[in-house]
């Protein structure tokens, strides 16, 4: 069971944080911008700050992605680091 860790920079443009794979996988994400200045939201290709799932700076959010699914993020301000761990 491979485990991959990444830190993805997310700003005000929609950014892919977990891409498609051959098998389904669990994706653990957390807003790594601990200064509380920027909020990060995750969702599908059209994610927006008005309808995405807001990431916590202290807790981890877990998503189960099917083989062809992609998870995207967008921030409401300056660039933030999103911590991503993928388990497939």
PDB file of N, CA and C in Angstrom:
ATOM      1  N   UNK A   1       0.840  -1.158   0.000  1.00  0.00           N
ATOM      2  CA  UNK A   1       0.000   0.000   0.000  1.00  0.00           C
ATOM      3  C   UNK A   1       0.900   1.240   0.000  1.00  0.00           C
ATOM      4  N   UNK A   2       1.081   1.883  -1.144  1.00  0.00           N
ATOM      5  CA  UNK A   2       1.925   3.071  -1.217  1.00  0.00           C
ATOM      6  C   UNK A   2       1.316   4.274  -0.488  1.00  0.00           C
ATOM      7  N   UNK A   3       2.175   5.026   0.176  1.00  0.00           N
ATOM      8  CA  UNK A   3       1.762   6.259   0.844  1.00  0.00           C
ATOM      9  C   UNK A   3       2.650   7.372   0.308  1.00  0.00           C
ATOM     10  N   UNK A   4       2.011   8.450  -0.190  1.00  0.00           N
ATOM     11  CA  UNK A   4       2.751   9.586  -0.742  1.00  0.00           C
ATOM     12  C   UNK A   4       2.367  10.846   0.003  1.00  0.00           C
ATOM     13  N   UNK A   5       3.359  11.664   0.358  1.00  0.00           N
ATOM     14  CA  UNK A   5       3.129  12.939   1.036  1.00  0.00           C
ATOM     15  C   UNK A   5       3.567  14.076   0.130  1.00  0.00           C
ATOM     16  N   UNK A   6       2.747  15.138   0.095  1.00  0.00           N
ATOM     17  CA  UNK A   6       3.070  16.312  -0.702  1.00  0.00           C
ATOM     18  C   UNK A   6       2.654  17.568   0.046  1.00  0.00           C
ATOM     19  N   UNK A   7       3.263  18.666  -0.336  1.00  0.00           N
ATOM     20  CA  UNK A   7       2.818  19.986   0.069  1.00  0.00           C
ATOM     21  C   UNK A   7       2.536  20.738  -1.221  1.00  0.00           C
ATOM     22  N   UNK A   8       1.286  21.129  -1.424  1.00  0.00           N
ATOM     23  CA  UNK A   8       0.873  21.771  -2.670  1.00  0.00           C
ATOM     24  C   UNK A   8       0.561  23.232  -2.394  1.00  0.00           C
ATOM     25  N   UNK A   9       1.146  24.133  -3.179  1.00  0.00           N
ATOM     26  CA  UNK A   9       0.864  25.562  -3.047  1.00  0.00           C
ATOM     27  C   UNK A   9      -0.454  25.882  -3.729  1.00  0.00           C
ATOM     28  N   UNK A  10      -1.353  26.506  -2.973  1.00  0.00           N
ATOM     29  CA  UNK A  10      -2.680  26.845  -3.488  1.00  0.00           C
ATOM     30  C   UNK A  10      -2.911  28.331  -3.284  1.00  0.00           C
ATOM     31  N   UNK A  11      -3.341  29.005  -4.335  1.00  0.00           N
ATOM     32  CA  UNK A  11      -3.675  30.427  -4.262  1.00  0.00           C
ATOM     33  C   UNK A  11      -5.104  30.641  -4.703  1.00  0.00           C
ATOM     34  N   UNK A  12      -5.351  31.720  -5.421  1.00  0.00           N
ATOM     35  CA  UNK A  12      -6.710  32.057  -5.841  1.00  0.00           C
ATOM     36  C   UNK A  12      -7.113  31.394  -7.152  1.00  0.00           C
ATOM     37  N   UNK A  13      -6.247  30.573  -7.724  1.00  0.00           N
ATOM     38  CA  UNK A  13      -6.586  29.800  -8.929  1.00  0.00           C
ATOM     39  C   UNK A  13      -6.839  28.350  -8.513  1.00  0.00           C
ATOM     40  N   UNK A  14      -7.774  27.697  -9.174  1.00  0.00           N
ATOM     41  CA  UNK A  14      -8.071  26.299  -8.882  1.00  0.00           C
ATOM     42  C   UNK A  14      -6.827  25.460  -9.174  1.00  0.00           C
ATOM     43  N   UNK A  15      -6.447  24.626  -8.211  1.00  0.00           N
ATOM     44  CA  UNK A  15      -5.222  23.839  -8.288  1.00  0.00           C
ATOM     45  C   UNK A  15      -5.513  22.373  -7.980  1.00  0.00           C
ATOM     46  N   UNK A  16      -4.987  21.468  -8.789  1.00  0.00           N
ATOM     47  CA  UNK A  16      -5.140  20.042  -8.528  1.00  0.00           C
ATOM     48  C   UNK A  16      -4.264  19.654  -7.346  1.00  0.00           C
ATOM     49  N   UNK A  17      -4.860  18.967  -6.365  1.00  0.00           N
ATOM     50  CA  UNK A  17      -4.069  18.511  -5.219  1.00  0.00           C
ATOM     51  C   UNK A  17      -3.972  16.995  -5.142  1.00  0.00           C
ATOM     52  N   UNK A  18      -4.869  16.275  -5.820  1.00  0.00           N
ATOM     53  CA  UNK A  18      -4.800  14.810  -5.870  1.00  0.00           C
ATOM     54  C   UNK A  18      -5.400  14.359  -7.191  1.00  0.00           C
ATOM     55  N   UNK A  19      -4.554  13.776  -8.038  1.00  0.00           N
ATOM     56  CA  UNK A  19      -4.981  13.396  -9.372  1.00  0.00           C
ATOM     57  C   UNK A  19      -5.501  11.977  -9.468  1.00  0.00           C
ATOM     58  N   UNK A  20      -5.974  11.611 -10.655  1.00  0.00           N
ATOM     59  CA  UNK A  20      -6.496  10.262 -10.866  1.00  0.00           C
ATOM     60  C   UNK A  20      -5.392   9.217 -10.749  1.00  0.00           C
ATOM     61  N   UNK A  21      -5.807   7.988 -10.470  1.00  0.00           N
ATOM     62  CA  UNK A  21      -4.860   6.886 -10.344  1.00  0.00           C
ATOM     63  C   UNK A  21      -5.510   5.615 -10.867  1.00  0.00           C
ATOM     64  N   UNK A  22      -4.782   4.527 -10.847  1.00  0.00           N
ATOM     65  CA  UNK A  22      -5.304   3.257 -11.335  1.00  0.00           C
ATOM     66  C   UNK A  22      -6.341   2.689 -10.365  1.00  0.00           C
ATOM     67  N   UNK A  23      -6.109   2.833  -9.087  1.00  0.00           N
ATOM     68  CA  UNK A  23      -7.007   2.299  -8.057  1.00  0.00           C
ATOM     69  C   UNK A  23      -7.621   3.433  -7.247  1.00  0.00           C
ATOM     70  N   UNK A  24      -8.649   3.103  -6.465  1.00  0.00           N
ATOM     71  CA  UNK A  24      -9.193   4.089  -5.545  1.00  0.00           C
ATOM     72  C   UNK A  24      -8.157   4.347  -4.446  1.00  0.00           C
ATOM     73  N   UNK A  25      -8.305   5.474  -3.760  1.00  0.00           N
ATOM     74  CA  UNK A  25      -7.336   5.826  -2.722  1.00  0.00           C
ATOM     75  C   UNK A  25      -7.984   6.724  -1.678  1.00  0.00           C
ATOM     76  N   UNK A  26      -7.363   6.784  -0.522  1.00  0.00           N
ATOM     77  CA  UNK A  26      -7.746   7.729   0.517  1.00  0.00           C
ATOM     78  C   UNK A  26      -6.811   8.918   0.426  1.00  0.00           C
ATOM     79  N   UNK A  27      -7.375  10.115   0.531  1.00  0.00           N
ATOM     80  CA  UNK A  27      -6.581  11.334   0.467  1.00  0.00           C
ATOM     81  C   UNK A  27      -6.847  12.128   1.744  1.00  0.00           C
ATOM     82  N   UNK A  28      -5.782  12.366   2.504  1.00  0.00           N
ATOM     83  CA  UNK A  28      -5.852  13.131   3.736  1.00  0.00           C
ATOM     84  C   UNK A  28      -5.317  14.530   3.431  1.00  0.00           C
ATOM     85  N   UNK A  29      -6.107  15.569   3.736  1.00  0.00           N
ATOM     86  CA  UNK A  29      -5.675  16.935   3.432  1.00  0.00           C
ATOM     87  C   UNK A  29      -5.847  17.832   4.656  1.00  0.00           C
ATOM     88  N   UNK A  30      -4.947  18.804   4.759  1.00  0.00           N
ATOM     89  CA  UNK A  30      -4.990  19.779   5.845  1.00  0.00           C
ATOM     90  C   UNK A  30      -4.440  21.097   5.327  1.00  0.00           C
ATOM     91  N   UNK A  31      -5.039  22.183   5.774  1.00  0.00           N
ATOM     92  CA  UNK A  31      -4.544  23.518   5.436  1.00  0.00           C
ATOM     93  C   UNK A  31      -3.264  23.741   6.226  1.00  0.00           C
ATOM     94  N   UNK A  32      -2.130  23.781   5.548  1.00  0.00           N
ATOM     95  CA  UNK A  32      -0.843  23.922   6.208  1.00  0.00           C
ATOM     96  C   UNK A  32      -0.411  25.347   6.427  1.00  0.00           C
ATOM     97  N   UNK A  33      -1.272  26.325   6.109  1.00  0.00           N
ATOM     98  CA  UNK A  33      -0.971  27.737   6.310  1.00  0.00           C
ATOM     99  C   UNK A  33      -1.441  28.115   7.711  1.00  0.00           C
ATOM    100  N   UNK A  34      -0.591  27.916   8.703  1.00  0.00           N
ATOM    101  CA  UNK A  34      -1.007  28.007  10.095  1.00  0.00           C
ATOM    102  C   UNK A  34      -1.155  29.423  10.634  1.00  0.00           C
ATOM    103  N   UNK A  35      -0.879  30.441   9.825  1.00  0.00           N
ATOM    104  CA  UNK A  35      -0.995  31.814  10.319  1.00  0.00           C
ATOM    105  C   UNK A  35      -2.429  32.340  10.271  1.00  0.00           C
ATOM    106  N   UNK A  36      -3.360  31.499   9.812  1.00  0.00           N
ATOM    107  CA  UNK A  36      -4.787  31.835   9.779  1.00  0.00           C
ATOM    108  C   UNK A  36      -5.146  32.975   8.835  1.00  0.00           C
ATOM    109  N   UNK A  37      -4.260  33.369   7.948  1.00  0.00           N
ATOM    110  CA  UNK A  37      -4.573  34.464   7.035  1.00  0.00           C
ATOM    111  C   UNK A  37      -5.304  34.007   5.784  1.00  0.00           C
ATOM    112  N   UNK A  38      -5.101  32.772   5.354  1.00  0.00           N
ATOM    113  CA  UNK A  38      -5.719  32.283   4.131  1.00  0.00           C
ATOM    114  C   UNK A  38      -6.514  31.019   4.425  1.00  0.00           C
ATOM    115  N   UNK A  39      -7.748  30.988   3.921  1.00  0.00           N
ATOM    116  CA  UNK A  39      -8.566  29.780   4.033  1.00  0.00           C
ATOM    117  C   UNK A  39      -8.487  29.035   2.710  1.00  0.00           C
ATOM    118  N   UNK A  40      -8.509  27.698   2.773  1.00  0.00           N
ATOM    119  CA  UNK A  40      -8.446  26.863   1.578  1.00  0.00           C
ATOM    120  C   UNK A  40      -9.698  25.990   1.528  1.00  0.00           C
ATOM    121  N   UNK A  41     -10.245  25.841   0.310  1.00  0.00           N
ATOM    122  CA  UNK A  41     -11.459  25.066   0.083  1.00  0.00           C
ATOM    123  C   UNK A  41     -11.163  23.999  -0.960  1.00  0.00           C
ATOM    124  N   UNK A  42     -11.743  22.802  -0.803  1.00  0.00           N
ATOM    125  CA  UNK A  42     -11.524  21.709  -1.746  1.00  0.00           C
ATOM    126  C   UNK A  42     -12.849  21.249  -2.337  1.00  0.00           C
ATOM    127  N   UNK A  43     -12.735  20.622  -3.526  1.00  0.00           N
ATOM    128  CA  UNK A  43     -13.917  20.101  -4.209  1.00  0.00           C
ATOM    129  C   UNK A  43     -13.554  19.647  -5.607  1.00  0.00           C
ATOM    130  N   UNK A  44     -14.529  19.700  -6.484  1.00  0.00           N
ATOM    131  CA  UNK A  44     -14.345  19.277  -7.865  1.00  0.00           C
ATOM    132  C   UNK A  44     -13.714  20.361  -8.725  1.00  0.00           C
ATOM    133  N   UNK A  45     -13.753  20.154 -10.031  1.00  0.00           N
ATOM    134  CA  UNK A  45     -13.085  21.036 -10.988  1.00  0.00           C
ATOM    135  C   UNK A  45     -13.543  22.488 -10.900  1.00  0.00           C
ATOM    136  N   UNK A  46     -14.774  22.721 -10.497  1.00  0.00           N
ATOM    137  CA  UNK A  46     -15.297  24.092 -10.417  1.00  0.00           C
ATOM    138  C   UNK A  46     -15.381  24.591  -8.974  1.00  0.00           C
ATOM    139  N   UNK A  47     -14.542  24.063  -8.092  1.00  0.00           N
ATOM    140  CA  UNK A  47     -14.589  24.463  -6.682  1.00  0.00           C
ATOM    141  C   UNK A  47     -14.415  25.973  -6.551  1.00  0.00           C
ATOM    142  N   UNK A  48     -15.138  26.556  -5.602  1.00  0.00           N
ATOM    143  CA  UNK A  48     -15.045  27.993  -5.333  1.00  0.00           C
ATOM    144  C   UNK A  48     -15.030  28.194  -3.820  1.00  0.00           C
ATOM    145  N   UNK A  49     -14.646  29.379  -3.399  1.00  0.00           N
ATOM    146  CA  UNK A  49     -14.622  29.670  -1.971  1.00  0.00           C
ATOM    147  C   UNK A  49     -16.027  29.728  -1.392  1.00  0.00           C
ATOM    148  N   UNK A  50     -17.027  29.806  -2.251  1.00  0.00           N
ATOM    149  CA  UNK A  50     -18.415  29.874  -1.789  1.00  0.00           C
ATOM    150  C   UNK A  50     -19.085  28.516  -1.657  1.00  0.00           C
ATOM    151  N   UNK A  51     -18.479  27.457  -2.239  1.00  0.00           N
ATOM    152  CA  UNK A  51     -19.153  26.157  -2.182  1.00  0.00           C
ATOM    153  C   UNK A  51     -18.238  24.973  -1.897  1.00  0.00           C
ATOM    154  N   UNK A  52     -16.953  25.207  -1.724  1.00  0.00           N
ATOM    155  CA  UNK A  52     -16.026  24.114  -1.422  1.00  0.00           C
ATOM    156  C   UNK A  52     -16.043  23.755   0.052  1.00  0.00           C
ATOM    157  N   UNK A  53     -15.407  22.644   0.376  1.00  0.00           N
ATOM    158  CA  UNK A  53     -15.253  22.209   1.771  1.00  0.00           C
ATOM    159  C   UNK A  53     -14.047  22.934   2.351  1.00  0.00           C
ATOM    160  N   UNK A  54     -14.258  23.720   3.402  1.00  0.00           N
ATOM    161  CA  UNK A  54     -13.170  24.486   4.014  1.00  0.00           C
ATOM    162  C   UNK A  54     -12.271  23.552   4.808  1.00  0.00           C
ATOM    163  N   UNK A  55     -10.965  23.633   4.542  1.00  0.00           N
ATOM    164  CA  UNK A  55     -10.003  22.791   5.251  1.00  0.00           C
ATOM    165  C   UNK A  55      -9.666  23.391   6.613  1.00  0.00           C
ATOM    166  N   UNK A  56      -9.490  22.510   7.568  1.00  0.00           N
ATOM    167  CA  UNK A  56      -9.106  22.911   8.915  1.00  0.00           C
ATOM    168  C   UNK A  56      -7.595  23.076   9.001  1.00  0.00           C
ATOM    169  N   UNK A  57      -7.164  23.989   9.853  1.00  0.00           N
ATOM    170  CA  UNK A  57      -5.733  24.177  10.094  1.00  0.00           C
ATOM    171  C   UNK A  57      -5.237  23.260  11.206  1.00  0.00           C
ATOM    172  N   UNK A  58      -6.151  22.620  11.936  1.00  0.00           N
ATOM    173  CA  UNK A  58      -5.769  21.769  13.059  1.00  0.00           C
ATOM    174  C   UNK A  58      -6.218  20.322  12.905  1.00  0.00           C
ATOM    175  N   UNK A  59      -7.148  20.043  12.021  1.00  0.00           N
ATOM    176  CA  UNK A  59      -7.653  18.688  11.810  1.00  0.00           C
ATOM    177  C   UNK A  59      -7.413  18.261  10.372  1.00  0.00           C
ATOM    178  N   UNK A  60      -7.499  16.979  10.130  1.00  0.00           N
ATOM    179  CA  UNK A  60      -7.312  16.422   8.797  1.00  0.00           C
ATOM    180  C   UNK A  60      -8.667  16.023   8.230  1.00  0.00           C
ATOM    181  N   UNK A  61      -8.885  16.335   6.960  1.00  0.00           N
ATOM    182  CA  UNK A  61     -10.096  15.925   6.255  1.00  0.00           C
ATOM    183  C   UNK A  61      -9.715  14.773   5.340  1.00  0.00           C
ATOM    184  N   UNK A  62     -10.554  13.735   5.302  1.00  0.00           N
ATOM    185  CA  UNK A  62     -10.258  12.539   4.512  1.00  0.00           C
ATOM    186  C   UNK A  62     -11.290  12.382   3.404  1.00  0.00           C
ATOM    187  N   UNK A  63     -10.799  12.126   2.183  1.00  0.00           N
ATOM    188  CA  UNK A  63     -11.653  11.866   1.037  1.00  0.00           C
ATOM    189  C   UNK A  63     -11.288  10.511   0.456  1.00  0.00           C
ATOM    190  N   UNK A  64     -12.284   9.758   0.018  1.00  0.00           N
ATOM    191  CA  UNK A  64     -12.022   8.529  -0.731  1.00  0.00           C
ATOM    192  C   UNK A  64     -12.275   8.850  -2.193  1.00  0.00           C
ATOM    193  N   UNK A  65     -11.231   8.740  -3.011  1.00  0.00           N
ATOM    194  CA  UNK A  65     -11.342   9.036  -4.437  1.00  0.00           C
ATOM    195  C   UNK A  65     -11.350   7.740  -5.224  1.00  0.00           C
ATOM    196  N   UNK A  66     -12.249   7.649  -6.185  1.00  0.00           N
ATOM    197  CA  UNK A  66     -12.246   6.520  -7.109  1.00  0.00           C
ATOM    198  C   UNK A  66     -11.108   6.703  -8.099  1.00  0.00           C
ATOM    199  N   UNK A  67     -10.848   5.694  -8.899  1.00  0.00           N
ATOM    200  CA  UNK A  67      -9.677   5.686  -9.784  1.00  0.00           C
ATOM    201  C   UNK A  67      -9.592   6.915 -10.685  1.00  0.00           C
ATOM    202  N   UNK A  68     -10.687   7.393 -11.207  1.00  0.00           N
ATOM    203  CA  UNK A  68     -10.654   8.502 -12.171  1.00  0.00           C
ATOM    204  C   UNK A  68     -10.952   9.865 -11.549  1.00  0.00           C
ATOM    205  N   UNK A  69     -11.070   9.941 -10.228  1.00  0.00           N
ATOM    206  CA  UNK A  69     -11.412  11.192  -9.557  1.00  0.00           C
ATOM    207  C   UNK A  69     -10.189  12.080  -9.361  1.00  0.00           C
ATOM    208  N   UNK A  70     -10.447  13.379  -9.350  1.00  0.00           N
ATOM    209  CA  UNK A  70      -9.409  14.373  -9.080  1.00  0.00           C
ATOM    210  C   UNK A  70      -9.947  15.337  -8.036  1.00  0.00           C
ATOM    211  N   UNK A  71      -9.110  15.742  -7.094  1.00  0.00           N
ATOM    212  CA  UNK A  71      -9.493  16.676  -6.042  1.00  0.00           C
ATOM    213  C   UNK A  71      -8.764  17.996  -6.281  1.00  0.00           C
ATOM    214  N   UNK A  72      -9.510  19.089  -6.207  1.00  0.00           N
ATOM    215  CA  UNK A  72      -8.967  20.424  -6.469  1.00  0.00           C
ATOM    216  C   UNK A  72      -9.116  21.298  -5.234  1.00  0.00           C
ATOM    217  N   UNK A  73      -8.322  22.367  -5.172  1.00  0.00           N
ATOM    218  CA  UNK A  73      -8.400  23.317  -4.063  1.00  0.00           C
ATOM    219  C   UNK A  73      -8.264  24.738  -4.591  1.00  0.00           C
ATOM    220  N   UNK A  74      -8.783  25.681  -3.798  1.00  0.00           N
ATOM    221  CA  UNK A  74      -8.653  27.106  -4.099  1.00  0.00           C
ATOM    222  C   UNK A  74      -8.555  27.846  -2.777  1.00  0.00           C
ATOM    223  N   UNK A  75      -7.773  28.911  -2.753  1.00  0.00           N
ATOM    224  CA  UNK A  75      -7.638  29.717  -1.544  1.00  0.00           C
ATOM    225  C   UNK A  75      -8.372  31.034  -1.686  1.00  0.00           C
ATOM    226  N   UNK A  76      -8.618  31.696  -0.570  1.00  0.00           N
ATOM    227  CA  UNK A  76      -9.320  32.984  -0.617  1.00  0.00           C
ATOM    228  C   UNK A  76      -8.349  34.165  -0.559  1.00  0.00           C
ATOM    229  N   UNK A  77      -7.063  33.886  -0.700  1.00  0.00           N
ATOM    230  CA  UNK A  77      -6.086  34.967  -0.645  1.00  0.00           C
ATOM    231  C   UNK A  77      -4.715  34.487  -1.065  1.00  0.00           C
ATOM    232  N   UNK A  78      -3.708  34.960  -0.360  1.00  0.00           N
ATOM    233  CA  UNK A  78      -2.319  34.627  -0.683  1.00  0.00           C
ATOM    234  C   UNK A  78      -2.092  33.121  -0.701  1.00  0.00           C
ATOM    235  N   UNK A  79      -1.011  32.727  -1.270  1.00  0.00           N
ATOM    236  CA  UNK A  79      -0.689  31.307  -1.417  1.00  0.00           C
ATOM    237  C   UNK A  79      -0.598  30.605  -0.066  1.00  0.00           C
ATOM    238  N   UNK A  80      -1.226  29.429  -0.005  1.00  0.00           N
ATOM    239  CA  UNK A  80      -1.193  28.598   1.200  1.00  0.00           C
ATOM    240  C   UNK A  80      -0.632  27.238   0.832  1.00  0.00           C
ATOM    241  N   UNK A  81      -0.027  26.567   1.794  1.00  0.00           N
ATOM    242  CA  UNK A  81       0.474  25.208   1.578  1.00  0.00           C
ATOM    243  C   UNK A  81      -0.588  24.230   2.061  1.00  0.00           C
ATOM    244  N   UNK A  82      -0.980  23.319   1.182  1.00  0.00           N
ATOM    245  CA  UNK A  82      -1.933  22.270   1.556  1.00  0.00           C
ATOM    246  C   UNK A  82      -1.146  20.983   1.711  1.00  0.00           C
ATOM    247  N   UNK A  83      -1.254  20.361   2.878  1.00  0.00           N
ATOM    248  CA  UNK A  83      -0.583  19.090   3.125  1.00  0.00           C
ATOM    249  C   UNK A  83      -1.475  17.977   2.622  1.00  0.00           C
ATOM    250  N   UNK A  84      -0.915  17.085   1.789  1.00  0.00           N
ATOM    251  CA  UNK A  84      -1.682  16.016   1.156  1.00  0.00           C
ATOM    252  C   UNK A  84      -0.958  14.688   1.369  1.00  0.00           C
ATOM    253  N   UNK A  85      -1.665  13.710   1.918  1.00  0.00           N
ATOM    254  CA  UNK A  85      -1.156  12.349   2.024  1.00  0.00           C
ATOM    255  C   UNK A  85      -2.128  11.439   1.282  1.00  0.00           C
ATOM    256  N   UNK A  86      -1.587  10.671   0.325  1.00  0.00           N
ATOM    257  CA  UNK A  86      -2.410   9.770  -0.484  1.00  0.00           C
ATOM    258  C   UNK A  86      -2.029   8.323  -0.172  1.00  0.00           C
ATOM    259  N   UNK A  87      -3.043   7.508   0.127  1.00  0.00           N
ATOM    260  CA  UNK A  87      -2.847   6.100   0.444  1.00  0.00           C
ATOM    261  C   UNK A  87      -3.649   5.299  -0.571  1.00  0.00           C
ATOM    262  N   UNK A  88      -2.931   4.503  -1.380  1.00  0.00           N
ATOM    263  CA  UNK A  88      -3.646   3.711  -2.400  1.00  0.00           C
ATOM    264  C   UNK A  88      -3.374   2.237  -2.251  1.00  0.00           C
TER     265      UNK A  88
END
